[in-house]
PDB file of N, CA and C in Angstrom:
ATOM      1  N   MET A   1     -45.681  95.512 -30.538  1.00  0.00           N
ATOM      2  CA  MET A   1     -46.493  94.224 -30.102  1.00  0.00           C
ATOM      3  C   MET A   1     -45.923  93.177 -31.221  1.00  0.00           C
ATOM      4  N   ILE A   2     -45.764  91.940 -30.603  1.00  0.00           N
ATOM      5  CA  ILE A   2     -45.327  90.876 -31.583  1.00  0.00           C
ATOM      6  C   ILE A   2     -46.347  90.485 -32.659  1.00  0.00           C
ATOM      7  N   ASN A   3     -47.725  90.675 -32.156  1.00  0.00           N
ATOM      8  CA  ASN A   3     -48.805  90.198 -33.225  1.00  0.00           C
ATOM      9  C   ASN A   3     -48.542  91.352 -34.642  1.00  0.00           C
ATOM     10  N   ALA A   4     -47.836  92.508 -34.538  1.00  0.00           N
ATOM     11  CA  ALA A   4     -47.900  93.214 -35.613  1.00  0.00           C
ATOM     12  C   ALA A   4     -46.781  92.847 -36.560  1.00  0.00           C
ATOM     13  N   ILE A   5     -45.891  92.179 -36.057  1.00  0.00           N
ATOM     14  CA  ILE A   5     -44.463  91.604 -36.898  1.00  0.00           C
ATOM     15  C   ILE A   5     -44.999  90.706 -37.637  1.00  0.00           C
ATOM     16  N   LEU A   6     -44.622  90.585 -39.146  1.00  0.00           N
ATOM     17  CA  LEU A   6     -44.695  89.634 -40.009  1.00  0.00           C
ATOM     18  C   LEU A   6     -44.535  88.125 -39.617  1.00  0.00           C
ATOM     19  N   ALA A   7     -45.266  87.407 -39.979  1.00  0.00           N
ATOM     20  CA  ALA A   7     -45.127  85.942 -39.634  1.00  0.00           C
ATOM     21  C   ALA A   7     -43.540  85.425 -40.211  1.00  0.00           C
ATOM     22  N   SER A   8     -43.097  85.993 -41.197  1.00  0.00           N
ATOM     23  CA  SER A   8     -41.654  85.818 -41.580  1.00  0.00           C
ATOM     24  C   SER A   8     -40.722  86.217 -40.708  1.00  0.00           C
ATOM     25  N   ASP A   9     -40.832  87.334 -40.173  1.00  0.00           N
ATOM     26  CA  ASP A   9     -40.061  88.138 -39.238  1.00  0.00           C
ATOM     27  C   ASP A   9     -40.183  87.346 -37.868  1.00  0.00           C
ATOM     28  N   ARG A  10     -41.309  86.962 -37.542  1.00  0.00           N
ATOM     29  CA  ARG A  10     -41.132  86.158 -36.308  1.00  0.00           C
ATOM     30  C   ARG A  10     -40.558  84.757 -36.463  1.00  0.00           C
ATOM     31  N   TYR A  11     -40.736  84.275 -37.542  1.00  0.00           N
ATOM     32  CA  TYR A  11     -39.739  82.998 -37.898  1.00  0.00           C
ATOM     33  C   TYR A  11     -38.477  83.315 -37.661  1.00  0.00           C
ATOM     34  N   LYS A  12     -38.251  84.272 -37.988  1.00  0.00           N
ATOM     35  CA  LYS A  12     -36.191  84.727 -38.053  1.00  0.00           C
ATOM     36  C   LYS A  12     -35.981  84.889 -36.405  1.00  0.00           C
ATOM     37  N   HIS A  13     -37.052  85.645 -35.936  1.00  0.00           N
ATOM     38  CA  HIS A  13     -36.768  85.743 -34.457  1.00  0.00           C
ATOM     39  C   HIS A  13     -36.945  84.465 -33.310  1.00  0.00           C
ATOM     40  N   PHE A  14     -37.786  83.457 -33.949  1.00  0.00           N
ATOM     41  CA  PHE A  14     -37.915  82.405 -33.420  1.00  0.00           C
ATOM     42  C   PHE A  14     -36.810  81.495 -33.585  1.00  0.00           C
ATOM     43  N   LEU A  15     -36.213  81.231 -34.488  1.00  0.00           N
ATOM     44  CA  LEU A  15     -34.966  80.571 -34.838  1.00  0.00           C
ATOM     45  C   LEU A  15     -33.624  81.072 -34.130  1.00  0.00           C
ATOM     46  N   GLN A  16     -33.454  82.452 -33.958  1.00  0.00           N
ATOM     47  CA  GLN A  16     -32.525  83.170 -33.184  1.00  0.00           C
ATOM     48  C   GLN A  16     -32.699  82.829 -31.738  1.00  0.00           C
ATOM     49  N   THR A  17     -34.012  82.855 -31.276  1.00  0.00           N
ATOM     50  CA  THR A  17     -34.325  82.666 -29.893  1.00  0.00           C
ATOM     51  C   THR A  17     -34.082  81.367 -29.331  1.00  0.00           C
ATOM     52  N   ILE A  18     -34.409  80.362 -30.360  1.00  0.00           N
ATOM     53  CA  ILE A  18     -34.791  78.906 -29.634  1.00  0.00           C
ATOM     54  C   ILE A  18     -32.851  78.603 -29.805  1.00  0.00           C
ATOM     55  N   ILE A  19     -32.113  79.061 -30.944  1.00  0.00           N
ATOM     56  CA  ILE A  19     -30.706  78.572 -30.818  1.00  0.00           C
ATOM     57  C   ILE A  19     -30.054  79.389 -29.563  1.00  0.00           C
ATOM     58  N   ARG A  20     -30.310  80.724 -29.341  1.00  0.00           N
ATOM     59  CA  ARG A  20     -29.957  81.287 -27.992  1.00  0.00           C
ATOM     60  C   ARG A  20     -30.058  80.545 -26.574  1.00  0.00           C
ATOM     61  N   ASN A  21     -31.485  80.131 -26.611  1.00  0.00           N
ATOM     62  CA  ASN A  21     -31.850  79.451 -25.527  1.00  0.00           C
ATOM     63  C   ASN A  21     -31.880  77.875 -25.454  1.00  0.00           C
ATOM     64  N   ASN A  22     -31.578  77.210 -26.412  1.00  0.00           N
ATOM     65  CA  ASN A  22     -31.370  75.969 -26.858  1.00  0.00           C
ATOM     66  C   ASN A  22     -32.762  74.936 -26.284  1.00  0.00           C
ATOM     67  N   GLU A  23     -33.727  75.752 -26.255  1.00  0.00           N
ATOM     68  CA  GLU A  23     -35.212  75.220 -26.361  1.00  0.00           C
ATOM     69  C   GLU A  23     -36.273  75.915 -27.022  1.00  0.00           C
ATOM     70  N   LEU A  24     -37.274  75.181 -27.282  1.00  0.00           N
ATOM     71  CA  LEU A  24     -38.426  75.595 -27.925  1.00  0.00           C
ATOM     72  C   LEU A  24     -39.763  75.120 -27.269  1.00  0.00           C
ATOM     73  N   TRP A  25     -40.848  75.553 -27.634  1.00  0.00           N
ATOM     74  CA  TRP A  25     -42.200  75.406 -26.726  1.00  0.00           C
ATOM     75  C   TRP A  25     -43.278  74.953 -27.578  1.00  0.00           C
ATOM     76  N   THR A  26     -44.008  74.016 -26.949  1.00  0.00           N
ATOM     77  CA  THR A  26     -45.413  73.529 -27.678  1.00  0.00           C
ATOM     78  C   THR A  26     -46.262  73.758 -26.545  1.00  0.00           C
ATOM     79  N   LEU A  27     -47.835  73.037 -26.948  1.00  0.00           N
ATOM     80  CA  LEU A  27     -48.600  72.796 -26.091  1.00  0.00           C
ATOM     81  C   LEU A  27     -48.800  71.254 -26.085  1.00  0.00           C
ATOM     82  N   ILE A  28     -49.282  70.896 -24.864  1.00  0.00           N
ATOM     83  CA  ILE A  28     -49.538  69.543 -24.555  1.00  0.00           C
ATOM     84  C   ILE A  28     -51.119  69.534 -23.688  1.00  0.00           C
ATOM     85  N   ASP A  29     -51.566  68.531 -23.744  1.00  0.00           N
ATOM     86  CA  ASP A  29     -52.986  68.322 -22.860  1.00  0.00           C
ATOM     87  C   ASP A  29     -52.491  67.667 -21.636  1.00  0.00           C
ATOM     88  N   ASN A  30     -53.326  67.336 -20.759  1.00  0.00           N
ATOM     89  CA  ASN A  30     -53.230  66.919 -19.473  1.00  0.00           C
ATOM     90  C   ASN A  30     -52.926  65.563 -19.404  1.00  0.00           C
ATOM     91  N   GLU A  31     -52.893  64.842 -20.533  1.00  0.00           N
ATOM     92  CA  GLU A  31     -52.258  63.648 -20.694  1.00  0.00           C
ATOM     93  C   GLU A  31     -50.933  63.433 -21.443  1.00  0.00           C
ATOM     94  N   GLY A  32     -50.311  64.429 -21.713  1.00  0.00           N
ATOM     95  CA  GLY A  32     -49.011  64.519 -22.383  1.00  0.00           C
ATOM     96  C   GLY A  32     -49.052  64.370 -23.913  1.00  0.00           C
ATOM     97  N   ASN A  33     -50.250  64.530 -24.651  1.00  0.00           N
ATOM     98  CA  ASN A  33     -50.578  64.618 -26.129  1.00  0.00           C
ATOM     99  C   ASN A  33     -50.011  66.014 -26.575  1.00  0.00           C
ATOM    100  N   PHE A  34     -49.590  65.834 -27.728  1.00  0.00           N
ATOM    101  CA  PHE A  34     -49.087  67.388 -28.141  1.00  0.00           C
ATOM    102  C   PHE A  34     -50.468  68.079 -28.689  1.00  0.00           C
ATOM    103  N   ALA A  35     -50.680  69.239 -28.744  1.00  0.00           N
ATOM    104  CA  ALA A  35     -51.681  69.980 -29.240  1.00  0.00           C
ATOM    105  C   ALA A  35     -51.732  69.921 -30.839  1.00  0.00           C
ATOM    106  N   LEU A  36     -52.666  69.646 -31.675  1.00  0.00           N
ATOM    107  CA  LEU A  36     -52.648  69.679 -33.011  1.00  0.00           C
ATOM    108  C   LEU A  36     -53.845  70.457 -33.517  1.00  0.00           C
ATOM    109  N   PHE A  37     -53.978  70.871 -34.604  1.00  0.00           N
ATOM    110  CA  PHE A  37     -55.108  71.363 -35.308  1.00  0.00           C
ATOM    111  C   PHE A  37     -54.958  71.244 -37.013  1.00  0.00           C
ATOM    112  N   GLU A  38     -56.231  71.451 -37.498  1.00  0.00           N
ATOM    113  CA  GLU A  38     -56.243  71.209 -38.732  1.00  0.00           C
ATOM    114  C   GLU A  38     -56.464  72.447 -39.574  1.00  0.00           C
ATOM    115  N   VAL A  39     -55.698  72.831 -40.688  1.00  0.00           N
ATOM    116  CA  VAL A  39     -55.683  73.829 -41.415  1.00  0.00           C
ATOM    117  C   VAL A  39     -55.509  73.417 -42.879  1.00  0.00           C
ATOM    118  N   ASN A  40     -56.441  73.797 -43.782  1.00  0.00           N
ATOM    119  CA  ASN A  40     -56.473  73.222 -45.226  1.00  0.00           C
ATOM    120  C   ASN A  40     -56.149  71.763 -45.236  1.00  0.00           C
ATOM    121  N   ASN A  41     -57.025  70.916 -44.658  1.00  0.00           N
ATOM    122  CA  ASN A  41     -56.633  69.176 -44.670  1.00  0.00           C
ATOM    123  C   ASN A  41     -55.289  69.153 -44.268  1.00  0.00           C
ATOM    124  N   ALA A  42     -54.503  69.979 -43.583  1.00  0.00           N
ATOM    125  CA  ALA A  42     -53.291  69.408 -43.206  1.00  0.00           C
ATOM    126  C   ALA A  42     -53.183  69.565 -41.622  1.00  0.00           C
ATOM    127  N   ILE A  43     -52.503  68.699 -40.869  1.00  0.00           N
ATOM    128  CA  ILE A  43     -52.420  68.762 -39.638  1.00  0.00           C
ATOM    129  C   ILE A  43     -50.932  69.350 -39.155  1.00  0.00           C
ATOM    130  N   VAL A  44     -51.246  70.515 -38.079  1.00  0.00           N
ATOM    131  CA  VAL A  44     -50.291  71.315 -37.991  1.00  0.00           C
ATOM    132  C   VAL A  44     -49.932  71.217 -36.478  1.00  0.00           C
ATOM    133  N   PHE A  45     -48.649  71.072 -36.225  1.00  0.00           N
ATOM    134  CA  PHE A  45     -47.876  71.211 -35.160  1.00  0.00           C
ATOM    135  C   PHE A  45     -47.343  72.578 -34.712  1.00  0.00           C
ATOM    136  N   SER A  46     -47.606  73.348 -33.788  1.00  0.00           N
ATOM    137  CA  SER A  46     -46.991  74.522 -33.447  1.00  0.00           C
ATOM    138  C   SER A  46     -46.151  74.790 -32.576  1.00  0.00           C
ATOM    139  N   LEU A  47     -45.128  75.720 -32.785  1.00  0.00           N
ATOM    140  CA  LEU A  47     -43.928  75.818 -31.963  1.00  0.00           C
ATOM    141  C   LEU A  47     -43.683  77.367 -31.657  1.00  0.00           C
ATOM    142  N   TRP A  48     -43.356  77.589 -30.469  1.00  0.00           N
ATOM    143  CA  TRP A  48     -43.078  78.983 -30.121  1.00  0.00           C
ATOM    144  C   TRP A  48     -41.889  78.969 -29.502  1.00  0.00           C
ATOM    145  N   PRO A  49     -41.232  80.195 -29.487  1.00  0.00           N
ATOM    146  CA  PRO A  49     -39.467  80.451 -29.031  1.00  0.00           C
ATOM    147  C   PRO A  49     -39.450  80.254 -27.399  1.00  0.00           C
ATOM    148  N   ASP A  50     -40.726  80.707 -26.780  1.00  0.00           N
ATOM    149  CA  ASP A  50     -40.725  80.568 -25.267  1.00  0.00           C
ATOM    150  C   ASP A  50     -42.323  80.733 -24.430  1.00  0.00           C
ATOM    151  N   ASP A  51     -42.266  80.254 -23.557  1.00  0.00           N
ATOM    152  CA  ASP A  51     -43.466  79.874 -22.815  1.00  0.00           C
ATOM    153  C   ASP A  51     -44.341  81.218 -22.982  1.00  0.00           C
ATOM    154  N   ALA A  52     -43.810  82.124 -22.592  1.00  0.00           N
ATOM    155  CA  ALA A  52     -44.376  83.698 -22.580  1.00  0.00           C
ATOM    156  C   ALA A  52     -45.222  83.942 -24.036  1.00  0.00           C
ATOM    157  N   SER A  53     -44.498  83.359 -25.049  1.00  0.00           N
ATOM    158  CA  SER A  53     -45.103  83.612 -26.550  1.00  0.00           C
ATOM    159  C   SER A  53     -46.439  83.013 -26.537  1.00  0.00           C
ATOM    160  N   ILE A  54     -46.682  81.858 -25.855  1.00  0.00           N
ATOM    161  CA  ILE A  54     -47.829  81.151 -26.123  1.00  0.00           C
ATOM    162  C   ILE A  54     -49.038  81.606 -25.216  1.00  0.00           C
ATOM    163  N   GLU A  55     -48.867  82.670 -24.576  1.00  0.00           N
ATOM    164  CA  GLU A  55     -50.162  83.269 -23.768  1.00  0.00           C
ATOM    165  C   GLU A  55     -51.195  83.675 -24.720  1.00  0.00           C
ATOM    166  N   SER A  56     -50.858  84.122 -25.771  1.00  0.00           N
ATOM    167  CA  SER A  56     -51.796  84.839 -26.572  1.00  0.00           C
ATOM    168  C   SER A  56     -52.658  83.766 -27.336  1.00  0.00           C
ATOM    169  N   ASN A  57     -52.097  82.495 -27.377  1.00  0.00           N
ATOM    170  CA  ASN A  57     -52.864  81.404 -27.821  1.00  0.00           C
ATOM    171  C   ASN A  57     -53.721  80.544 -27.094  1.00  0.00           C
ATOM    172  N   LEU A  58     -53.690  80.858 -25.989  1.00  0.00           N
ATOM    173  CA  LEU A  58     -54.504  80.293 -24.959  1.00  0.00           C
ATOM    174  C   LEU A  58     -56.195  80.659 -24.809  1.00  0.00           C
ATOM    175  N   THR A  59     -56.666  80.660 -25.834  1.00  0.00           N
ATOM    176  CA  THR A  59     -57.895  80.973 -26.414  1.00  0.00           C
ATOM    177  C   THR A  59     -58.776  79.850 -25.395  1.00  0.00           C
ATOM    178  N   PRO A  60     -60.056  80.009 -25.373  1.00  0.00           N
ATOM    179  CA  PRO A  60     -60.974  78.883 -24.896  1.00  0.00           C
ATOM    180  C   PRO A  60     -60.676  77.657 -25.484  1.00  0.00           C
ATOM    181  N   ASP A  61     -60.434  77.619 -26.870  1.00  0.00           N
ATOM    182  CA  ASP A  61     -60.425  76.162 -27.263  1.00  0.00           C
ATOM    183  C   ASP A  61     -58.866  75.763 -26.953  1.00  0.00           C
ATOM    184  N   TRP A  62     -58.111  76.200 -26.381  1.00  0.00           N
ATOM    185  CA  TRP A  62     -56.754  75.608 -25.899  1.00  0.00           C
ATOM    186  C   TRP A  62     -56.643  75.821 -24.310  1.00  0.00           C
ATOM    187  N   ALA A  63     -57.840  76.154 -23.882  1.00  0.00           N
ATOM    188  CA  ALA A  63     -57.741  76.274 -22.401  1.00  0.00           C
ATOM    189  C   ALA A  63     -57.178  74.995 -21.417  1.00  0.00           C
ATOM    190  N   ASP A  64     -57.252  73.724 -21.938  1.00  0.00           N
ATOM    191  CA  ASP A  64     -57.181  72.560 -21.207  1.00  0.00           C
ATOM    192  C   ASP A  64     -55.288  72.114 -21.650  1.00  0.00           C
ATOM    193  N   TYR A  65     -54.609  73.026 -22.536  1.00  0.00           N
ATOM    194  CA  TYR A  65     -53.458  72.980 -22.885  1.00  0.00           C
ATOM    195  C   TYR A  65     -52.428  73.299 -22.096  1.00  0.00           C
ATOM    196  N   ILE A  66     -51.424  73.166 -21.815  1.00  0.00           N
ATOM    197  CA  ILE A  66     -50.175  73.674 -20.815  1.00  0.00           C
ATOM    198  C   ILE A  66     -49.098  73.771 -22.018  1.00  0.00           C
ATOM    199  N   PRO A  67     -48.128  74.841 -21.626  1.00  0.00           N
ATOM    200  CA  PRO A  67     -46.939  74.990 -22.436  1.00  0.00           C
ATOM    201  C   PRO A  67     -45.898  73.885 -21.847  1.00  0.00           C
ATOM    202  N   PHE A  68     -45.408  73.673 -22.777  1.00  0.00           N
ATOM    203  CA  PHE A  68     -44.186  72.500 -22.743  1.00  0.00           C
ATOM    204  C   PHE A  68     -42.949  72.826 -23.434  1.00  0.00           C
ATOM    205  N   LYS A  69     -41.805  72.845 -22.588  1.00  0.00           N
ATOM    206  CA  LYS A  69     -40.566  72.954 -23.181  1.00  0.00           C
ATOM    207  C   LYS A  69     -39.999  71.594 -23.759  1.00  0.00           C
ATOM    208  N   ILE A  70     -39.173  71.890 -25.053  1.00  0.00           N
ATOM    209  CA  ILE A  70     -38.574  70.943 -25.575  1.00  0.00           C
ATOM    210  C   ILE A  70     -36.984  71.299 -25.800  1.00  0.00           C
ATOM    211  N   ASP A  71     -36.371  70.648 -25.250  1.00  0.00           N
ATOM    212  CA  ASP A  71     -34.745  70.567 -25.653  1.00  0.00           C
ATOM    213  C   ASP A  71     -34.472  70.222 -26.901  1.00  0.00           C
ATOM    214  N   PHE A  72     -33.249  70.978 -27.436  1.00  0.00           N
ATOM    215  CA  PHE A  72     -32.712  70.289 -28.711  1.00  0.00           C
ATOM    216  C   PHE A  72     -32.757  68.621 -28.881  1.00  0.00           C
ATOM    217  N   ASN A  73     -32.164  68.055 -27.718  1.00  0.00           N
ATOM    218  CA  ASN A  73     -32.163  66.604 -27.782  1.00  0.00           C
ATOM    219  C   ASN A  73     -33.521  65.776 -28.139  1.00  0.00           C
ATOM    220  N   ALA A  74     -34.681  66.336 -27.121  1.00  0.00           N
ATOM    221  CA  ALA A  74     -35.873  65.985 -27.448  1.00  0.00           C
ATOM    222  C   ALA A  74     -36.470  66.374 -28.784  1.00  0.00           C
ATOM    223  N   LEU A  75     -36.082  67.453 -29.228  1.00  0.00           N
ATOM    224  CA  LEU A  75     -36.533  67.835 -30.523  1.00  0.00           C
ATOM    225  C   LEU A  75     -35.758  66.936 -31.627  1.00  0.00           C
ATOM    226  N   GLU A  76     -34.787  66.718 -31.538  1.00  0.00           N
ATOM    227  CA  GLU A  76     -34.175  65.568 -32.614  1.00  0.00           C
ATOM    228  C   GLU A  76     -34.539  64.203 -32.301  1.00  0.00           C
ATOM    229  N   GLU A  77     -34.476  63.694 -31.284  1.00  0.00           N
ATOM    230  CA  GLU A  77     -34.897  62.278 -31.005  1.00  0.00           C
ATOM    231  C   GLU A  77     -36.554  61.884 -30.873  1.00  0.00           C
ATOM    232  N   THR A  78     -37.279  62.944 -30.547  1.00  0.00           N
ATOM    233  CA  THR A  78     -38.804  62.716 -30.197  1.00  0.00           C
ATOM    234  C   THR A  78     -39.538  63.440 -31.260  1.00  0.00           C
ATOM    235  N   VAL A  79     -39.916  64.802 -31.381  1.00  0.00           N
ATOM    236  CA  VAL A  79     -40.430  65.548 -31.818  1.00  0.00           C
ATOM    237  C   VAL A  79     -40.250  65.623 -33.250  1.00  0.00           C
ATOM    238  N   LEU A  80     -39.181  65.861 -34.033  1.00  0.00           N
ATOM    239  CA  LEU A  80     -39.081  65.692 -35.617  1.00  0.00           C
ATOM    240  C   LEU A  80     -39.366  64.403 -35.973  1.00  0.00           C
ATOM    241  N   PRO A  81     -38.920  63.219 -35.169  1.00  0.00           N
ATOM    242  CA  PRO A  81     -39.690  61.563 -35.953  1.00  0.00           C
ATOM    243  C   PRO A  81     -41.046  61.809 -36.072  1.00  0.00           C
ATOM    244  N   ILE A  82     -41.849  62.249 -34.849  1.00  0.00           N
ATOM    245  CA  ILE A  82     -43.131  62.514 -34.826  1.00  0.00           C
ATOM    246  C   ILE A  82     -44.118  63.219 -36.068  1.00  0.00           C
ATOM    247  N   ILE A  83     -43.100  64.152 -36.355  1.00  0.00           N
ATOM    248  CA  ILE A  83     -43.729  65.226 -37.190  1.00  0.00           C
ATOM    249  C   ILE A  83     -43.301  64.798 -38.837  1.00  0.00           C
ATOM    250  N   ARG A  84     -42.361  63.944 -38.889  1.00  0.00           N
ATOM    251  CA  ARG A  84     -42.015  63.178 -40.191  1.00  0.00           C
ATOM    252  C   ARG A  84     -43.117  62.242 -40.442  1.00  0.00           C
ATOM    253  N   LEU A  85     -43.143  61.450 -39.326  1.00  0.00           N
ATOM    254  CA  LEU A  85     -43.789  60.193 -39.286  1.00  0.00           C
ATOM    255  C   LEU A  85     -45.603  60.316 -39.665  1.00  0.00           C
ATOM    256  N   ASN A  86     -45.787  61.459 -39.324  1.00  0.00           N
ATOM    257  CA  ASN A  86     -47.505  61.735 -39.399  1.00  0.00           C
ATOM    258  C   ASN A  86     -47.649  62.898 -40.302  1.00  0.00           C
ATOM    259  N   ASN A  87     -46.387  63.331 -41.069  1.00  0.00           N
ATOM    260  CA  ASN A  87     -46.508  64.366 -42.124  1.00  0.00           C
ATOM    261  C   ASN A  87     -47.317  65.796 -41.758  1.00  0.00           C
ATOM    262  N   TYR A  88     -46.991  65.960 -40.490  1.00  0.00           N
ATOM    263  CA  TYR A  88     -47.432  67.209 -39.790  1.00  0.00           C
ATOM    264  C   TYR A  88     -46.838  68.543 -40.561  1.00  0.00           C
ATOM    265  N   ILE A  89     -47.457  69.774 -40.684  1.00  0.00           N
ATOM    266  CA  ILE A  89     -46.920  71.014 -41.127  1.00  0.00           C
ATOM    267  C   ILE A  89     -46.328  71.613 -39.911  1.00  0.00           C
ATOM    268  N   ILE A  90     -45.585  72.267 -39.861  1.00  0.00           N
ATOM    269  CA  ILE A  90     -44.904  73.057 -38.607  1.00  0.00           C
ATOM    270  C   ILE A  90     -45.380  74.582 -38.662  1.00  0.00           C
ATOM    271  N   ASN A  91     -46.170  75.066 -37.825  1.00  0.00           N
ATOM    272  CA  ASN A  91     -46.672  76.346 -37.505  1.00  0.00           C
ATOM    273  C   ASN A  91     -45.926  77.086 -36.668  1.00  0.00           C
ATOM    274  N   ILE A  92     -45.115  77.934 -36.957  1.00  0.00           N
ATOM    275  CA  ILE A  92     -44.080  78.693 -36.064  1.00  0.00           C
ATOM    276  C   ILE A  92     -44.648  79.976 -35.574  1.00  0.00           C
ATOM    277  N   TYR A  93     -44.545  80.118 -34.102  1.00  0.00           N
ATOM    278  CA  TYR A  93     -44.841  81.463 -33.642  1.00  0.00           C
ATOM    279  C   TYR A  93     -46.248  82.009 -34.126  1.00  0.00           C
ATOM    280  N   PRO A  94     -47.481  81.059 -33.954  1.00  0.00           N
ATOM    281  CA  PRO A  94     -48.451  81.889 -34.107  1.00  0.00           C
ATOM    282  C   PRO A  94     -49.105  82.731 -33.043  1.00  0.00           C
ATOM    283  N   VAL A  95     -49.681  83.797 -33.120  1.00  0.00           N
ATOM    284  CA  VAL A  95     -50.170  84.773 -32.045  1.00  0.00           C
ATOM    285  C   VAL A  95     -51.454  84.967 -32.300  1.00  0.00           C
ATOM    286  N   GLU A  96     -51.987  85.177 -30.939  1.00  0.00           N
ATOM    287  CA  GLU A  96     -53.709  85.404 -30.899  1.00  0.00           C
ATOM    288  C   GLU A  96     -54.703  84.525 -31.755  1.00  0.00           C
ATOM    289  N   GLY A  97     -54.100  83.432 -31.682  1.00  0.00           N
ATOM    290  CA  GLY A  97     -55.064  82.387 -32.402  1.00  0.00           C
ATOM    291  C   GLY A  97     -54.895  82.285 -34.080  1.00  0.00           C
ATOM    292  N   ARG A  98     -54.147  83.072 -34.715  1.00  0.00           N
ATOM    293  CA  ARG A  98     -53.830  83.133 -35.944  1.00  0.00           C
ATOM    294  C   ARG A  98     -52.637  82.620 -36.353  1.00  0.00           C
ATOM    295  N   ILE A  99     -52.676  81.995 -37.659  1.00  0.00           N
ATOM    296  CA  ILE A  99     -51.668  80.898 -38.014  1.00  0.00           C
ATOM    297  C   ILE A  99     -50.117  81.593 -38.254  1.00  0.00           C
ATOM    298  N   GLY A 100     -49.309  80.922 -37.829  1.00  0.00           N
ATOM    299  CA  GLY A 100     -47.976  81.985 -37.792  1.00  0.00           C
ATOM    300  C   GLY A 100     -46.929  81.690 -39.102  1.00  0.00           C
ATOM    301  N   TYR A 101     -45.828  81.242 -39.096  1.00  0.00           N
ATOM    302  CA  TYR A 101     -45.121  81.259 -40.219  1.00  0.00           C
ATOM    303  C   TYR A 101     -45.156  79.586 -40.560  1.00  0.00           C
ATOM    304  N   VAL A 102     -45.776  78.912 -41.819  1.00  0.00           N
ATOM    305  CA  VAL A 102     -45.960  77.920 -41.849  1.00  0.00           C
ATOM    306  C   VAL A 102     -44.765  77.194 -42.626  1.00  0.00           C
ATOM    307  N   VAL A 103     -44.324  76.178 -42.224  1.00  0.00           N
ATOM    308  CA  VAL A 103     -42.832  75.558 -42.931  1.00  0.00           C
ATOM    309  C   VAL A 103     -43.039  74.243 -42.989  1.00  0.00           C
ATOM    310  N   SER A 104     -42.363  73.471 -43.930  1.00  0.00           N
ATOM    311  CA  SER A 104     -42.640  71.815 -44.143  1.00  0.00           C
ATOM    312  C   SER A 104     -41.159  71.577 -43.127  1.00  0.00           C
ATOM    313  N   LEU A 105     -41.141  70.159 -42.696  1.00  0.00           N
ATOM    314  CA  LEU A 105     -40.171  69.801 -41.785  1.00  0.00           C
ATOM    315  C   LEU A 105     -38.774  69.860 -42.506  1.00  0.00           C
ATOM    316  N   ASN A 106     -38.698  69.698 -43.637  1.00  0.00           N
ATOM    317  CA  ASN A 106     -37.486  69.700 -44.469  1.00  0.00           C
ATOM    318  C   ASN A 106     -36.715  71.158 -44.426  1.00  0.00           C
ATOM    319  N   ASP A 107     -37.807  72.112 -44.664  1.00  0.00           N
ATOM    320  CA  ASP A 107     -37.426  73.613 -44.557  1.00  0.00           C
ATOM    321  C   ASP A 107     -36.945  73.868 -43.051  1.00  0.00           C
ATOM    322  N   PHE A 108     -37.586  73.568 -42.240  1.00  0.00           N
ATOM    323  CA  PHE A 108     -37.489  73.925 -41.206  1.00  0.00           C
ATOM    324  C   PHE A 108     -36.013  73.321 -40.554  1.00  0.00           C
ATOM    325  N   ILE A 109     -35.735  71.989 -40.627  1.00  0.00           N
ATOM    326  CA  ILE A 109     -34.339  71.345 -40.364  1.00  0.00           C
ATOM    327  C   ILE A 109     -33.305  72.381 -41.378  1.00  0.00           C
ATOM    328  N   THR A 110     -33.483  72.662 -42.471  1.00  0.00           N
ATOM    329  CA  THR A 110     -32.306  73.319 -42.996  1.00  0.00           C
ATOM    330  C   THR A 110     -32.290  74.622 -42.594  1.00  0.00           C
ATOM    331  N   ASP A 111     -33.397  75.484 -42.447  1.00  0.00           N
ATOM    332  CA  ASP A 111     -33.235  76.828 -41.712  1.00  0.00           C
ATOM    333  C   ASP A 111     -32.442  76.788 -40.508  1.00  0.00           C
ATOM    334  N   LEU A 112     -32.954  75.613 -39.672  1.00  0.00           N
ATOM    335  CA  LEU A 112     -32.373  75.741 -38.158  1.00  0.00           C
ATOM    336  C   LEU A 112     -30.960  75.317 -38.485  1.00  0.00           C
ATOM    337  N   ASN A 113     -30.618  74.407 -39.257  1.00  0.00           N
ATOM    338  CA  ASN A 113     -29.025  74.158 -39.287  1.00  0.00           C
ATOM    339  C   ASN A 113     -28.355  75.227 -39.956  1.00  0.00           C
ATOM    340  N   THR A 114     -28.847  75.934 -40.727  1.00  0.00           N
ATOM    341  CA  THR A 114     -28.223  76.908 -41.561  1.00  0.00           C
ATOM    342  C   THR A 114     -27.879  78.200 -40.174  1.00  0.00           C
ATOM    343  N   ASN A 115     -28.830  78.492 -39.494  1.00  0.00           N
ATOM    344  CA  ASN A 115     -28.726  79.231 -38.214  1.00  0.00           C
ATOM    345  C   ASN A 115     -27.776  78.956 -37.424  1.00  0.00           C
ATOM    346  N   LEU A 116     -27.854  77.779 -37.069  1.00  0.00           N
ATOM    347  CA  LEU A 116     -26.891  77.049 -35.774  1.00  0.00           C
ATOM    348  C   LEU A 116     -25.628  77.323 -36.662  1.00  0.00           C
ATOM    349  N   LYS A 117     -25.198  76.726 -38.012  1.00  0.00           N
ATOM    350  CA  LYS A 117     -23.978  77.023 -38.234  1.00  0.00           C
ATOM    351  C   LYS A 117     -23.553  78.569 -38.258  1.00  0.00           C
ATOM    352  N   ASP A 118     -24.508  79.742 -38.871  1.00  0.00           N
ATOM    353  CA  ASP A 118     -24.051  80.828 -38.608  1.00  0.00           C
ATOM    354  C   ASP A 118     -23.742  81.471 -37.103  1.00  0.00           C
ATOM    355  N   ASN A 119     -24.647  80.836 -36.072  1.00  0.00           N
ATOM    356  CA  ASN A 119     -24.196  81.240 -34.841  1.00  0.00           C
ATOM    357  C   ASN A 119     -22.845  80.799 -34.120  1.00  0.00           C
ATOM    358  N   ALA A 120     -22.552  79.613 -34.743  1.00  0.00           N
ATOM    359  CA  ALA A 120     -21.328  79.083 -34.402  1.00  0.00           C
ATOM    360  C   ALA A 120     -19.968  79.807 -34.540  1.00  0.00           C
ATOM    361  N   ILE A 121     -20.209  80.580 -35.622  1.00  0.00           N
ATOM    362  CA  ILE A 121     -18.936  81.378 -36.108  1.00  0.00           C
ATOM    363  C   ILE A 121     -18.626  82.561 -35.103  1.00  0.00           C
TER     364      ILE A 121
END
């Protein structure tokens, strides 16, 4: 079960999966707003490798949200600028309502670029 895997290992799996599929997923409400939540006085933006991985997080608090696919173009042009502008923290692959692997925007970009280069060889 994925919930038994360490958050750091889910992060590695997340990076490999989004590179292979050229997409990642988040949640939006019925007005198209990204789902955000607060942890330790920081606003968190959550990402998953695929829509099936989101299912464990659709608790009653998230019942009004739907999975939303982000391609790499939208990630670069829309999502990352929103995260940067608002100083959000990125929560990678949370499961069963628990926090996932929390990473800064700069570290996420570095890790993604490193994995993209490694997979291009």
